[in-house]
Amino acid sequence: MKIIVDMMGGDNAPLAVLEGAAQAVKEYGITVVGVGDEALVRRTAQENSIPLDGIELVNCTEVIDMCDEPARAIRQKKDSSIVVGLNMLKDGKGDAFVSAGSTGALHVGASLIVRTLKGVKRPALATMVPAKKQAYLLLDCGANVECRPEMLAAFAVMGSCYVNKVEGRCSPSVALANNGAEESKGTPMLKEAHQLLKTTPGVRFVGNIEPRDVPGGEVDVVVCDGFTGNVILKLTEGVAKMLLGMLKQMFLANLGGKLAYLLLKGSVADLKHQMDSEEYGGAPFLGARQPVIKAHGSSKAKGIKNAIRQAKICVENDLCGTMQSALDELAAAQKTEE
C-alpha cells in the first residue's frame, strides 16, 4: 500500500511530517510517497537522523500557504505539494493522500482533482471528537458552511459507513445537531432534514441532539452544517484546553495539590490521553472518490502517524466503495418517493 503524504503541510513541516511518516512505515508496513521540496526533506532527515527507508520522495517547487485563496491556489500553483499529491492519487500512483496543509485548498482539490462520489455535491470534513462515553464523528465540521437537507442526509450515510468501517462500530447511531430535541425545533432546513433522516436507508437516526448533550458521547455520529460543526469543534477544543489548564493550576497551587496529583497521576494521564485529538490523526473528506485525510495544522509526529494509520484503514476497508453503494441506495429510495 502506498500513502501519499504532503511533506510541506502544517506548522511543523517537514520535520514532524517526516518523523510521523517514518514511524508509520515502521509500524504499519506501508510505503510513504512524500511530496515536497526534496532537498529540504533529505537535509531535514539527515540532520535529525530520520531513516528514509520505505519513503519515496517526489520533488515539488511550490507550497500552498494558509493565507492563499484556495481555488486560485489550486489553479495557479500546479507544482505545489497538495496539487501534485492529489493528481498522483487521481492517477493511481497512491492509495490515499494525507496532508496537514490548507483545509480550503484540500477541499477544493478533493472536489476538482480527485472528484466526488456520485450523489455528493461537495465532500464533508469529518473528525472524531473526544467525548465522555466514547468519541463521536462530527460532520460537517467546516467544509460546507451552508447545507441543504439532502446534503445532511448524505453526510449521515457517509458518517455511518465511516464509523462502521474505520471505528468498527455496528449499527452506529446518528443524531442531528439542533437547538432542541423536539422535531418542531430548529430552522425550516433543520426541520426538513429531520424528516428526511427518519426515512434515510442505512441510517439509524435517533433524532435531534442539543449541543450540551454532544460531549456526552452517547451517539456515534453528529450531523450538521459546516458552520455549526466548526463552532462545536472549536468550542470543545477550547473548553477541554481550559479545563486541563485549570486542573494543572489546581494541582500546582500548594503542597496538598501536589500530593493529590501524585495519587491521581494515572487518572490524569488517562484523561489527557482521552482528550488528545492527535490520537485520532485527522479528518477525512468524506465524499471524495479516494481517501483524502486532513491532519491538524499543528500536528506533531504522533498526529501525522495516526492520520496515515487512518488512511490505511480507509483503503483496507474500501471505505469509498462502501459509501458509493450506500449513496446509490439513498438515491434510489429518494427517486422512489418522488
C-alpha atoms as a PDB file:
ATOM      1  CA  MET A   1       0.000   0.000   0.000  1.00  0.00           C
ATOM      2  CA  LYS A   2       1.243   3.481  -0.878  1.00  0.00           C
ATOM      3  CA  ILE A   3       0.114   6.507   1.122  1.00  0.00           C
ATOM      4  CA  ILE A   4       0.937   9.878  -0.449  1.00  0.00           C
ATOM      5  CA  VAL A   5       1.946  12.400   2.221  1.00  0.00           C
ATOM      6  CA  ASP A   6       2.278  16.185   1.857  1.00  0.00           C
ATOM      7  CA  MET A   7       5.710  16.886   3.368  1.00  0.00           C
ATOM      8  CA  MET A   8       5.211  20.654   3.319  1.00  0.00           C
ATOM      9  CA  GLY A   9       1.812  20.883   5.073  1.00  0.00           C
ATOM     10  CA  GLY A  10       1.327  22.053   8.648  1.00  0.00           C
ATOM     11  CA  ASP A  11       3.009  24.276  11.222  1.00  0.00           C
ATOM     12  CA  ASN A  12       5.758  21.748  11.997  1.00  0.00           C
ATOM     13  CA  ALA A  13       6.647  20.626   8.455  1.00  0.00           C
ATOM     14  CA  PRO A  14       8.757  18.999   7.250  1.00  0.00           C
ATOM     15  CA  LEU A  15      10.292  17.649  10.496  1.00  0.00           C
ATOM     16  CA  ALA A  16       7.101  16.447  12.224  1.00  0.00           C
ATOM     17  CA  VAL A  17       5.746  15.039   8.943  1.00  0.00           C
ATOM     18  CA  LEU A  18       8.990  13.137   8.348  1.00  0.00           C
ATOM     19  CA  GLU A  19       9.034  11.746  11.891  1.00  0.00           C
ATOM     20  CA  GLY A  20       5.398  10.648  11.655  1.00  0.00           C
ATOM     21  CA  ALA A  21       5.908   9.115   8.209  1.00  0.00           C
ATOM     22  CA  ALA A  22       8.977   7.165   9.368  1.00  0.00           C
ATOM     23  CA  GLN A  23       7.062   5.845  12.388  1.00  0.00           C
ATOM     24  CA  ALA A  24       4.109   4.856  10.152  1.00  0.00           C
ATOM     25  CA  VAL A  25       6.377   2.950   7.733  1.00  0.00           C
ATOM     26  CA  LYS A  26       7.913   1.040  10.632  1.00  0.00           C
ATOM     27  CA  GLU A  27       4.646   0.280  12.458  1.00  0.00           C
ATOM     28  CA  TYR A  28       2.179  -0.279   9.614  1.00  0.00           C
ATOM     29  CA  GLY A  29       4.326  -1.858   6.907  1.00  0.00           C
ATOM     30  CA  ILE A  30       3.298   0.630   4.229  1.00  0.00           C
ATOM     31  CA  THR A  31       5.195   2.729   1.699  1.00  0.00           C
ATOM     32  CA  VAL A  32       5.007   6.517   2.021  1.00  0.00           C
ATOM     33  CA  VAL A  33       5.322   8.733  -1.042  1.00  0.00           C
ATOM     34  CA  GLY A  34       6.483  12.075   0.307  1.00  0.00           C
ATOM     35  CA  VAL A  35       5.645  15.082  -1.883  1.00  0.00           C
ATOM     36  CA  GLY A  36       7.508  18.344  -1.338  1.00  0.00           C
ATOM     37  CA  ASP A  37      10.880  20.105  -1.502  1.00  0.00           C
ATOM     38  CA  GLU A  38      13.090  17.021  -1.876  1.00  0.00           C
ATOM     39  CA  ALA A  39      16.356  18.762  -0.982  1.00  0.00           C
ATOM     40  CA  LEU A  40      14.855  20.245   2.198  1.00  0.00           C
ATOM     41  CA  VAL A  41      13.258  16.936   3.188  1.00  0.00           C
ATOM     42  CA  ARG A  42      16.521  14.995   2.700  1.00  0.00           C
ATOM     43  CA  ARG A  43      18.503  17.609   4.631  1.00  0.00           C
ATOM     44  CA  THR A  44      15.965  17.553   7.489  1.00  0.00           C
ATOM     45  CA  ALA A  45      16.099  13.755   7.598  1.00  0.00           C
ATOM     46  CA  GLN A  46      19.894  13.762   7.691  1.00  0.00           C
ATOM     47  CA  GLU A  47      20.134  16.455  10.375  1.00  0.00           C
ATOM     48  CA  ASN A  48      17.667  14.631  12.623  1.00  0.00           C
ATOM     49  CA  SER A  49      18.815  11.057  11.889  1.00  0.00           C
ATOM     50  CA  ILE A  50      15.425  10.053  10.445  1.00  0.00           C
ATOM     51  CA  PRO A  51      15.600   6.963   8.209  1.00  0.00           C
ATOM     52  CA  LEU A  52      14.106   7.283   4.731  1.00  0.00           C
ATOM     53  CA  ASP A  53      13.595   3.535   4.340  1.00  0.00           C
ATOM     54  CA  GLY A  54      10.161   2.932   2.836  1.00  0.00           C
ATOM     55  CA  ILE A  55       9.768   6.629   1.953  1.00  0.00           C
ATOM     56  CA  GLU A  56       9.826   7.630  -1.731  1.00  0.00           C
ATOM     57  CA  LEU A  57      10.293  11.337  -2.423  1.00  0.00           C
ATOM     58  CA  VAL A  58       8.689  13.350  -5.247  1.00  0.00           C
ATOM     59  CA  ASN A  59      10.081  16.867  -5.711  1.00  0.00           C
ATOM     60  CA  CYS A  60       7.812  19.949  -5.863  1.00  0.00           C
ATOM     61  CA  THR A  61       8.798  23.580  -6.264  1.00  0.00           C
ATOM     62  CA  GLU A  62       5.733  25.290  -4.753  1.00  0.00           C
ATOM     63  CA  VAL A  63       3.812  25.332  -1.461  1.00  0.00           C
ATOM     64  CA  ILE A  64       0.216  26.453  -0.865  1.00  0.00           C
ATOM     65  CA  ASP A  65       0.236  28.749   2.161  1.00  0.00           C
ATOM     66  CA  MET A  66      -2.604  29.032   4.663  1.00  0.00           C
ATOM     67  CA  CYS A  67      -3.232  32.622   3.535  1.00  0.00           C
ATOM     68  CA  ASP A  68      -3.625  31.666  -0.159  1.00  0.00           C
ATOM     69  CA  GLU A  69      -7.132  31.810  -1.642  1.00  0.00           C
ATOM     70  CA  PRO A  70      -7.916  28.067  -2.063  1.00  0.00           C
ATOM     71  CA  ALA A  71      -9.448  27.953  -5.562  1.00  0.00           C
ATOM     72  CA  ARG A  72      -6.848  30.317  -7.037  1.00  0.00           C
ATOM     73  CA  ALA A  73      -4.006  28.398  -5.372  1.00  0.00           C
ATOM     74  CA  ILE A  74      -5.209  25.066  -6.781  1.00  0.00           C
ATOM     75  CA  ARG A  75      -5.435  26.581 -10.285  1.00  0.00           C
ATOM     76  CA  GLN A  76      -2.163  28.530 -10.237  1.00  0.00           C
ATOM     77  CA  LYS A  77       0.228  26.513  -8.059  1.00  0.00           C
ATOM     78  CA  LYS A  78       0.306  23.394 -10.226  1.00  0.00           C
ATOM     79  CA  ASP A  79       3.641  22.229  -8.779  1.00  0.00           C
ATOM     80  CA  SER A  80       2.598  22.572  -5.136  1.00  0.00           C
ATOM     81  CA  SER A  81       2.728  19.552  -2.844  1.00  0.00           C
ATOM     82  CA  ILE A  82      -1.083  19.473  -2.474  1.00  0.00           C
ATOM     83  CA  VAL A  83      -1.867  19.663  -6.209  1.00  0.00           C
ATOM     84  CA  VAL A  84       0.856  17.179  -7.198  1.00  0.00           C
ATOM     85  CA  GLY A  85      -0.168  14.787  -4.415  1.00  0.00           C
ATOM     86  CA  LEU A  86      -3.867  14.883  -5.319  1.00  0.00           C
ATOM     87  CA  ASN A  87      -3.066  14.374  -9.015  1.00  0.00           C
ATOM     88  CA  MET A  88      -0.922  11.362  -8.110  1.00  0.00           C
ATOM     89  CA  LEU A  89      -3.854   9.955  -6.133  1.00  0.00           C
ATOM     90  CA  LYS A  90      -6.215  10.524  -9.072  1.00  0.00           C
ATOM     91  CA  ASP A  91      -3.761   8.834 -11.445  1.00  0.00           C
ATOM     92  CA  GLY A  92      -3.457   5.728  -9.266  1.00  0.00           C
ATOM     93  CA  LYS A  93       0.101   6.400  -8.075  1.00  0.00           C
ATOM     94  CA  GLY A  94      -1.015   6.022  -4.455  1.00  0.00           C
ATOM     95  CA  ASP A  95      -3.948   4.689  -2.460  1.00  0.00           C
ATOM     96  CA  ALA A  96      -4.676   7.706  -0.213  1.00  0.00           C
ATOM     97  CA  PHE A  97      -3.465  11.272   0.417  1.00  0.00           C
ATOM     98  CA  VAL A  98      -2.600  12.806   3.806  1.00  0.00           C
ATOM     99  CA  SER A  99      -1.876  16.499   4.420  1.00  0.00           C
ATOM    100  CA  ALA A 100      -1.733  18.917   7.340  1.00  0.00           C
ATOM    101  CA  GLY A 101      -1.876  21.852   4.923  1.00  0.00           C
ATOM    102  CA  SER A 102      -4.614  24.319   3.961  1.00  0.00           C
ATOM    103  CA  THR A 103      -8.097  22.906   4.641  1.00  0.00           C
ATOM    104  CA  GLY A 104      -9.661  25.105   1.967  1.00  0.00           C
ATOM    105  CA  ALA A 105      -7.152  24.056  -0.700  1.00  0.00           C
ATOM    106  CA  LEU A 106      -7.608  20.390   0.199  1.00  0.00           C
ATOM    107  CA  HIS A 107     -11.394  20.736  -0.023  1.00  0.00           C
ATOM    108  CA  VAL A 108     -11.235  22.425  -3.434  1.00  0.00           C
ATOM    109  CA  GLY A 109      -8.584  19.990  -4.637  1.00  0.00           C
ATOM    110  CA  ALA A 110     -10.507  16.934  -3.466  1.00  0.00           C
ATOM    111  CA  SER A 111     -13.579  18.214  -5.337  1.00  0.00           C
ATOM    112  CA  LEU A 112     -11.884  19.319  -8.575  1.00  0.00           C
ATOM    113  CA  ILE A 113      -8.976  16.891  -8.908  1.00  0.00           C
ATOM    114  CA  VAL A 114      -9.925  13.659  -7.126  1.00  0.00           C
ATOM    115  CA  ARG A 115     -13.634  14.356  -7.776  1.00  0.00           C
ATOM    116  CA  THR A 116     -16.571  13.258  -5.650  1.00  0.00           C
ATOM    117  CA  LEU A 117     -18.658  10.122  -5.353  1.00  0.00           C
ATOM    118  CA  LYS A 118     -21.864  10.023  -7.387  1.00  0.00           C
ATOM    119  CA  GLY A 119     -24.598  11.791  -5.424  1.00  0.00           C
ATOM    120  CA  VAL A 120     -22.196  14.014  -3.452  1.00  0.00           C
ATOM    121  CA  LYS A 121     -22.037  17.723  -4.347  1.00  0.00           C
ATOM    122  CA  ARG A 122     -19.097  18.579  -2.102  1.00  0.00           C
ATOM    123  CA  PRO A 123     -17.084  16.425   0.331  1.00  0.00           C
ATOM    124  CA  ALA A 124     -17.757  16.871   4.046  1.00  0.00           C
ATOM    125  CA  LEU A 125     -14.937  17.340   6.533  1.00  0.00           C
ATOM    126  CA  ALA A 126     -15.429  14.808   9.322  1.00  0.00           C
ATOM    127  CA  THR A 127     -13.477  14.336  12.535  1.00  0.00           C
ATOM    128  CA  MET A 128     -13.579  12.083  15.581  1.00  0.00           C
ATOM    129  CA  VAL A 129     -14.119  14.246  18.659  1.00  0.00           C
ATOM    130  CA  PRO A 130     -13.193  13.005  22.179  1.00  0.00           C
ATOM    131  CA  ALA A 131     -16.227  12.680  24.488  1.00  0.00           C
ATOM    132  CA  LYS A 132     -17.201  11.239  27.890  1.00  0.00           C
ATOM    133  CA  LYS A 133     -18.527   7.807  26.877  1.00  0.00           C
ATOM    134  CA  GLN A 134     -16.732   7.451  23.552  1.00  0.00           C
ATOM    135  CA  ALA A 135     -15.527   9.666  20.712  1.00  0.00           C
ATOM    136  CA  TYR A 136     -18.112  10.615  18.108  1.00  0.00           C
ATOM    137  CA  LEU A 137     -17.831  11.552  14.432  1.00  0.00           C
ATOM    138  CA  LEU A 138     -18.746  15.187  13.726  1.00  0.00           C
ATOM    139  CA  LEU A 139     -19.582  16.212  10.171  1.00  0.00           C
ATOM    140  CA  ASP A 140     -19.531  18.620   8.527  1.00  0.00           C
ATOM    141  CA  CYS A 141     -17.014  20.447  10.723  1.00  0.00           C
ATOM    142  CA  GLY A 142     -16.030  23.263   8.391  1.00  0.00           C
ATOM    143  CA  ALA A 143     -16.022  22.434   4.676  1.00  0.00           C
ATOM    144  CA  ASN A 144     -19.610  23.403   3.744  1.00  0.00           C
ATOM    145  CA  VAL A 145     -20.877  26.407   5.702  1.00  0.00           C
ATOM    146  CA  GLU A 146     -24.432  26.140   4.344  1.00  0.00           C
ATOM    147  CA  CYS A 147     -26.148  22.820   3.600  1.00  0.00           C
ATOM    148  CA  ARG A 148     -29.428  21.609   2.152  1.00  0.00           C
ATOM    149  CA  PRO A 149     -31.408  18.788   3.824  1.00  0.00           C
ATOM    150  CA  GLU A 150     -30.353  16.232   1.199  1.00  0.00           C
ATOM    151  CA  MET A 151     -26.692  17.092   1.867  1.00  0.00           C
ATOM    152  CA  LEU A 152     -27.180  16.350   5.566  1.00  0.00           C
ATOM    153  CA  ALA A 153     -28.803  13.021   4.652  1.00  0.00           C
ATOM    154  CA  ALA A 154     -25.756  12.163   2.523  1.00  0.00           C
ATOM    155  CA  PHE A 155     -23.481  13.166   5.429  1.00  0.00           C
ATOM    156  CA  ALA A 156     -25.416  10.789   7.697  1.00  0.00           C
ATOM    157  CA  VAL A 157     -24.966   7.909   5.247  1.00  0.00           C
ATOM    158  CA  MET A 158     -21.231   8.572   4.809  1.00  0.00           C
ATOM    159  CA  GLY A 159     -20.714   9.113   8.547  1.00  0.00           C
ATOM    160  CA  SER A 160     -22.392   5.807   9.360  1.00  0.00           C
ATOM    161  CA  CYS A 161     -20.177   3.993   6.836  1.00  0.00           C
ATOM    162  CA  TYR A 162     -17.031   5.611   8.248  1.00  0.00           C
ATOM    163  CA  VAL A 163     -17.780   4.797  11.895  1.00  0.00           C
ATOM    164  CA  ASN A 164     -18.672   1.238  10.927  1.00  0.00           C
ATOM    165  CA  LYS A 165     -15.650   0.580   8.708  1.00  0.00           C
ATOM    166  CA  VAL A 166     -12.928   2.596  10.457  1.00  0.00           C
ATOM    167  CA  GLU A 167     -14.030   2.577  14.110  1.00  0.00           C
ATOM    168  CA  GLY A 168     -15.603  -0.883  13.947  1.00  0.00           C
ATOM    169  CA  ARG A 169     -18.976   0.087  15.455  1.00  0.00           C
ATOM    170  CA  CYS A 170     -22.001  -1.924  14.364  1.00  0.00           C
ATOM    171  CA  SER A 171     -25.267  -0.110  13.582  1.00  0.00           C
ATOM    172  CA  PRO A 172     -23.958   3.353  14.603  1.00  0.00           C
ATOM    173  CA  SER A 173     -26.454   5.909  15.914  1.00  0.00           C
ATOM    174  CA  VAL A 174     -26.857   9.230  14.091  1.00  0.00           C
ATOM    175  CA  ALA A 175     -28.172  12.485  15.581  1.00  0.00           C
ATOM    176  CA  LEU A 176     -28.875  15.904  14.062  1.00  0.00           C
ATOM    177  CA  ALA A 177     -27.370  18.880  15.927  1.00  0.00           C
ATOM    178  CA  ASN A 178     -30.178  21.289  16.791  1.00  0.00           C
ATOM    179  CA  ASN A 179     -31.267  23.806  19.413  1.00  0.00           C
ATOM    180  CA  GLY A 180     -33.805  21.384  20.860  1.00  0.00           C
ATOM    181  CA  ALA A 181     -34.559  17.664  20.958  1.00  0.00           C
ATOM    182  CA  GLU A 182     -38.135  18.041  19.674  1.00  0.00           C
ATOM    183  CA  GLU A 183     -38.937  17.571  15.970  1.00  0.00           C
ATOM    184  CA  SER A 184     -40.536  21.023  15.880  1.00  0.00           C
ATOM    185  CA  LYS A 185     -37.294  22.819  16.854  1.00  0.00           C
ATOM    186  CA  GLY A 186     -34.812  24.496  14.549  1.00  0.00           C
ATOM    187  CA  THR A 187     -34.797  26.330  11.239  1.00  0.00           C
ATOM    188  CA  PRO A 188     -37.022  25.216   8.334  1.00  0.00           C
ATOM    189  CA  MET A 189     -33.979  23.495   6.820  1.00  0.00           C
ATOM    190  CA  LEU A 190     -33.319  21.503  10.011  1.00  0.00           C
ATOM    191  CA  LYS A 191     -36.977  20.528  10.344  1.00  0.00           C
ATOM    192  CA  GLU A 192     -36.941  19.230   6.779  1.00  0.00           C
ATOM    193  CA  ALA A 193     -33.625  17.453   7.355  1.00  0.00           C
ATOM    194  CA  HIS A 194     -35.074  15.767  10.465  1.00  0.00           C
ATOM    195  CA  GLN A 195     -37.970  14.310   8.480  1.00  0.00           C
ATOM    196  CA  LEU A 196     -35.632  13.212   5.690  1.00  0.00           C
ATOM    197  CA  LEU A 197     -33.238  11.488   8.091  1.00  0.00           C
ATOM    198  CA  LYS A 198     -36.110   9.494   9.607  1.00  0.00           C
ATOM    199  CA  THR A 199     -36.548   7.702   6.286  1.00  0.00           C
ATOM    200  CA  THR A 200     -32.933   7.590   5.085  1.00  0.00           C
ATOM    201  CA  PRO A 201     -31.933   3.966   4.323  1.00  0.00           C
ATOM    202  CA  GLY A 202     -28.887   2.577   6.112  1.00  0.00           C
ATOM    203  CA  VAL A 203     -29.021   5.212   8.873  1.00  0.00           C
ATOM    204  CA  ARG A 204     -30.077   4.567  12.483  1.00  0.00           C
ATOM    205  CA  PHE A 205     -31.386   8.066  13.166  1.00  0.00           C
ATOM    206  CA  VAL A 206     -32.069   8.767  16.846  1.00  0.00           C
ATOM    207  CA  GLY A 207     -33.380  12.345  16.476  1.00  0.00           C
ATOM    208  CA  ASN A 208     -32.081  15.788  17.352  1.00  0.00           C
ATOM    209  CA  ILE A 209     -29.276  16.354  19.841  1.00  0.00           C
ATOM    210  CA  GLU A 210     -28.666  19.590  21.735  1.00  0.00           C
ATOM    211  CA  PRO A 211     -25.087  20.930  21.877  1.00  0.00           C
ATOM    212  CA  ARG A 212     -24.950  20.464  25.662  1.00  0.00           C
ATOM    213  CA  ASP A 213     -25.517  16.717  25.192  1.00  0.00           C
ATOM    214  CA  VAL A 214     -22.989  16.253  22.385  1.00  0.00           C
ATOM    215  CA  PRO A 215     -19.899  15.921  24.694  1.00  0.00           C
ATOM    216  CA  GLY A 216     -21.582  13.011  26.475  1.00  0.00           C
ATOM    217  CA  GLY A 217     -20.641  10.739  23.580  1.00  0.00           C
ATOM    218  CA  GLU A 218     -23.960   8.876  23.648  1.00  0.00           C
ATOM    219  CA  VAL A 219     -24.282   8.885  19.828  1.00  0.00           C
ATOM    220  CA  ASP A 220     -21.797   7.724  17.206  1.00  0.00           C
ATOM    221  CA  VAL A 221     -22.365  10.386  14.525  1.00  0.00           C
ATOM    222  CA  VAL A 222     -23.434  14.036  14.871  1.00  0.00           C
ATOM    223  CA  VAL A 223     -24.597  15.631  11.600  1.00  0.00           C
ATOM    224  CA  CYS A 224     -24.735  19.401  10.988  1.00  0.00           C
ATOM    225  CA  ASP A 225     -23.759  22.121   8.527  1.00  0.00           C
ATOM    226  CA  GLY A 226     -20.129  23.206   8.394  1.00  0.00           C
ATOM    227  CA  PHE A 227     -20.662  26.453  10.310  1.00  0.00           C
ATOM    228  CA  THR A 228     -22.349  24.725  13.267  1.00  0.00           C
ATOM    229  CA  GLY A 229     -19.839  21.871  13.221  1.00  0.00           C
ATOM    230  CA  ASN A 230     -16.856  24.205  13.254  1.00  0.00           C
ATOM    231  CA  VAL A 231     -18.295  26.099  16.228  1.00  0.00           C
ATOM    232  CA  ILE A 232     -18.937  22.830  18.115  1.00  0.00           C
ATOM    233  CA  LEU A 233     -15.420  21.572  17.356  1.00  0.00           C
ATOM    234  CA  LYS A 234     -13.563  24.749  18.311  1.00  0.00           C
ATOM    235  CA  LEU A 235     -15.657  25.325  21.437  1.00  0.00           C
ATOM    236  CA  THR A 236     -15.000  21.726  22.524  1.00  0.00           C
ATOM    237  CA  GLU A 237     -11.259  22.140  21.956  1.00  0.00           C
ATOM    238  CA  GLY A 238     -11.252  25.444  23.872  1.00  0.00           C
ATOM    239  CA  VAL A 239     -13.205  24.116  26.853  1.00  0.00           C
ATOM    240  CA  ALA A 240     -11.020  20.978  27.052  1.00  0.00           C
ATOM    241  CA  LYS A 241      -7.837  23.076  26.979  1.00  0.00           C
ATOM    242  CA  MET A 242      -9.229  25.441  29.623  1.00  0.00           C
ATOM    243  CA  LEU A 243     -10.280  22.623  31.985  1.00  0.00           C
ATOM    244  CA  LEU A 244      -6.965  20.792  31.679  1.00  0.00           C
ATOM    245  CA  GLY A 245      -5.157  24.082  32.349  1.00  0.00           C
ATOM    246  CA  MET A 246      -7.308  24.800  35.416  1.00  0.00           C
ATOM    247  CA  LEU A 247      -6.682  21.261  36.653  1.00  0.00           C
ATOM    248  CA  LYS A 248      -2.926  21.766  36.309  1.00  0.00           C
ATOM    249  CA  GLN A 249      -3.093  25.084  38.191  1.00  0.00           C
ATOM    250  CA  MET A 250      -5.093  23.434  40.975  1.00  0.00           C
ATOM    251  CA  PHE A 251      -2.532  20.662  41.396  1.00  0.00           C
ATOM    252  CA  LEU A 252       0.426  23.085  41.412  1.00  0.00           C
ATOM    253  CA  ALA A 253      -1.179  25.639  43.749  1.00  0.00           C
ATOM    254  CA  ASN A 254       0.106  24.166  47.025  1.00  0.00           C
ATOM    255  CA  LEU A 255       1.603  21.100  48.690  1.00  0.00           C
ATOM    256  CA  GLY A 256      -1.813  19.490  49.127  1.00  0.00           C
ATOM    257  CA  GLY A 257      -2.479  19.814  45.398  1.00  0.00           C
ATOM    258  CA  LYS A 258       0.892  18.269  44.546  1.00  0.00           C
ATOM    259  CA  LEU A 259       0.221  15.328  46.860  1.00  0.00           C
ATOM    260  CA  ALA A 260      -3.226  14.887  45.317  1.00  0.00           C
ATOM    261  CA  TYR A 261      -1.620  14.847  41.872  1.00  0.00           C
ATOM    262  CA  LEU A 262       0.705  12.023  42.883  1.00  0.00           C
ATOM    263  CA  LEU A 263      -2.327   9.979  43.956  1.00  0.00           C
ATOM    264  CA  LEU A 264      -4.276  10.795  40.774  1.00  0.00           C
ATOM    265  CA  LYS A 265      -1.380  10.809  38.318  1.00  0.00           C
ATOM    266  CA  GLY A 266      -2.616   7.726  36.426  1.00  0.00           C
ATOM    267  CA  SER A 267      -6.180   9.056  36.121  1.00  0.00           C
ATOM    268  CA  VAL A 268      -4.949  12.462  34.928  1.00  0.00           C
ATOM    269  CA  ALA A 269      -2.767  10.788  32.289  1.00  0.00           C
ATOM    270  CA  ASP A 270      -5.764   8.741  31.106  1.00  0.00           C
ATOM    271  CA  LEU A 271      -7.854  11.926  30.844  1.00  0.00           C
ATOM    272  CA  LYS A 272      -5.178  13.728  28.811  1.00  0.00           C
ATOM    273  CA  HIS A 273      -4.895  10.700  26.528  1.00  0.00           C
ATOM    274  CA  GLN A 274      -8.683  10.582  26.075  1.00  0.00           C
ATOM    275  CA  MET A 275      -8.826  14.298  25.175  1.00  0.00           C
ATOM    276  CA  ASP A 276      -5.823  14.194  22.815  1.00  0.00           C
ATOM    277  CA  SER A 277      -7.045  14.891  19.277  1.00  0.00           C
ATOM    278  CA  GLU A 278      -3.760  13.582  17.840  1.00  0.00           C
ATOM    279  CA  GLU A 279      -4.820  10.066  18.824  1.00  0.00           C
ATOM    280  CA  TYR A 280      -7.384  10.161  16.004  1.00  0.00           C
ATOM    281  CA  GLY A 281      -4.932  11.540  13.462  1.00  0.00           C
ATOM    282  CA  GLY A 282      -7.009  13.624  11.123  1.00  0.00           C
ATOM    283  CA  ALA A 283     -10.282  14.473   9.464  1.00  0.00           C
ATOM    284  CA  PRO A 284     -11.269  12.631   6.275  1.00  0.00           C
ATOM    285  CA  PHE A 285     -13.017  14.418   3.407  1.00  0.00           C
ATOM    286  CA  LEU A 286     -15.967  12.052   3.175  1.00  0.00           C
ATOM    287  CA  GLY A 287     -17.455  12.005  -0.314  1.00  0.00           C
ATOM    288  CA  ALA A 288     -14.166  12.146  -2.235  1.00  0.00           C
ATOM    289  CA  ARG A 289     -13.692   9.238  -4.655  1.00  0.00           C
ATOM    290  CA  GLN A 290     -10.457   8.230  -2.934  1.00  0.00           C
ATOM    291  CA  PRO A 291      -9.316   8.705   0.685  1.00  0.00           C
ATOM    292  CA  VAL A 292      -8.137  12.251   1.445  1.00  0.00           C
ATOM    293  CA  ILE A 293      -7.190  12.849   5.094  1.00  0.00           C
ATOM    294  CA  LYS A 294      -6.664  16.320   6.610  1.00  0.00           C
ATOM    295  CA  ALA A 295      -4.317  16.194   9.599  1.00  0.00           C
ATOM    296  CA  HIS A 296      -4.483  19.070  12.104  1.00  0.00           C
ATOM    297  CA  GLY A 297      -2.305  22.014  11.109  1.00  0.00           C
ATOM    298  CA  SER A 298      -0.465  21.855  14.444  1.00  0.00           C
ATOM    299  CA  SER A 299       0.078  18.079  14.226  1.00  0.00           C
ATOM    300  CA  LYS A 300       3.262  16.662  15.663  1.00  0.00           C
ATOM    301  CA  ALA A 301       4.720  13.298  14.671  1.00  0.00           C
ATOM    302  CA  LYS A 302       2.048  11.303  16.517  1.00  0.00           C
ATOM    303  CA  GLY A 303      -0.778  13.134  14.739  1.00  0.00           C
ATOM    304  CA  ILE A 304       0.783  12.548  11.304  1.00  0.00           C
ATOM    305  CA  LYS A 305       1.417   8.868  12.075  1.00  0.00           C
ATOM    306  CA  ASN A 306      -2.182   8.358  13.164  1.00  0.00           C
ATOM    307  CA  ALA A 307      -3.507  10.224  10.112  1.00  0.00           C
ATOM    308  CA  ILE A 308      -1.552   7.768   7.951  1.00  0.00           C
ATOM    309  CA  ARG A 309      -2.989   4.885  10.006  1.00  0.00           C
ATOM    310  CA  GLN A 310      -6.456   6.307   9.363  1.00  0.00           C
ATOM    311  CA  ALA A 311      -5.757   6.416   5.613  1.00  0.00           C
ATOM    312  CA  LYS A 312      -4.526   2.810   5.699  1.00  0.00           C
ATOM    313  CA  ILE A 313      -7.744   1.613   7.381  1.00  0.00           C
ATOM    314  CA  CYS A 314      -9.869   3.505   4.827  1.00  0.00           C
ATOM    315  CA  VAL A 315      -8.070   1.757   1.973  1.00  0.00           C
ATOM    316  CA  GLU A 316      -8.151  -1.688   3.602  1.00  0.00           C
ATOM    317  CA  ASN A 317     -11.902  -1.458   4.158  1.00  0.00           C
ATOM    318  CA  ASP A 318     -12.702   0.058   0.724  1.00  0.00           C
ATOM    319  CA  LEU A 319     -14.442   2.911   2.529  1.00  0.00           C
ATOM    320  CA  CYS A 320     -15.116   4.915  -0.650  1.00  0.00           C
ATOM    321  CA  GLY A 321     -16.642   1.918  -2.441  1.00  0.00           C
ATOM    322  CA  THR A 322     -18.881   1.131   0.540  1.00  0.00           C
ATOM    323  CA  MET A 323     -20.024   4.765   0.679  1.00  0.00           C
ATOM    324  CA  GLN A 324     -20.850   4.788  -3.032  1.00  0.00           C
ATOM    325  CA  SER A 325     -23.056   1.707  -2.609  1.00  0.00           C
ATOM    326  CA  ALA A 326     -24.850   3.299   0.349  1.00  0.00           C
ATOM    327  CA  LEU A 327     -25.325   6.581  -1.530  1.00  0.00           C
ATOM    328  CA  ASP A 328     -26.719   4.706  -4.541  1.00  0.00           C
ATOM    329  CA  GLU A 329     -29.259   3.090  -2.209  1.00  0.00           C
ATOM    330  CA  LEU A 330     -30.191   6.518  -0.812  1.00  0.00           C
ATOM    331  CA  ALA A 331     -30.625   7.963  -4.327  1.00  0.00           C
ATOM    332  CA  ALA A 332     -32.833   5.020  -5.348  1.00  0.00           C
ATOM    333  CA  ALA A 333     -35.015   5.474  -2.249  1.00  0.00           C
ATOM    334  CA  GLN A 334     -35.397   9.233  -2.880  1.00  0.00           C
ATOM    335  CA  LYS A 335     -36.307   8.558  -6.518  1.00  0.00           C
ATOM    336  CA  THR A 336     -38.979   6.047  -5.445  1.00  0.00           C
ATOM    337  CA  GLU A 337     -40.511   8.616  -3.060  1.00  0.00           C
ATOM    338  CA  GLU A 338     -40.779  11.154  -5.901  1.00  0.00           C
END
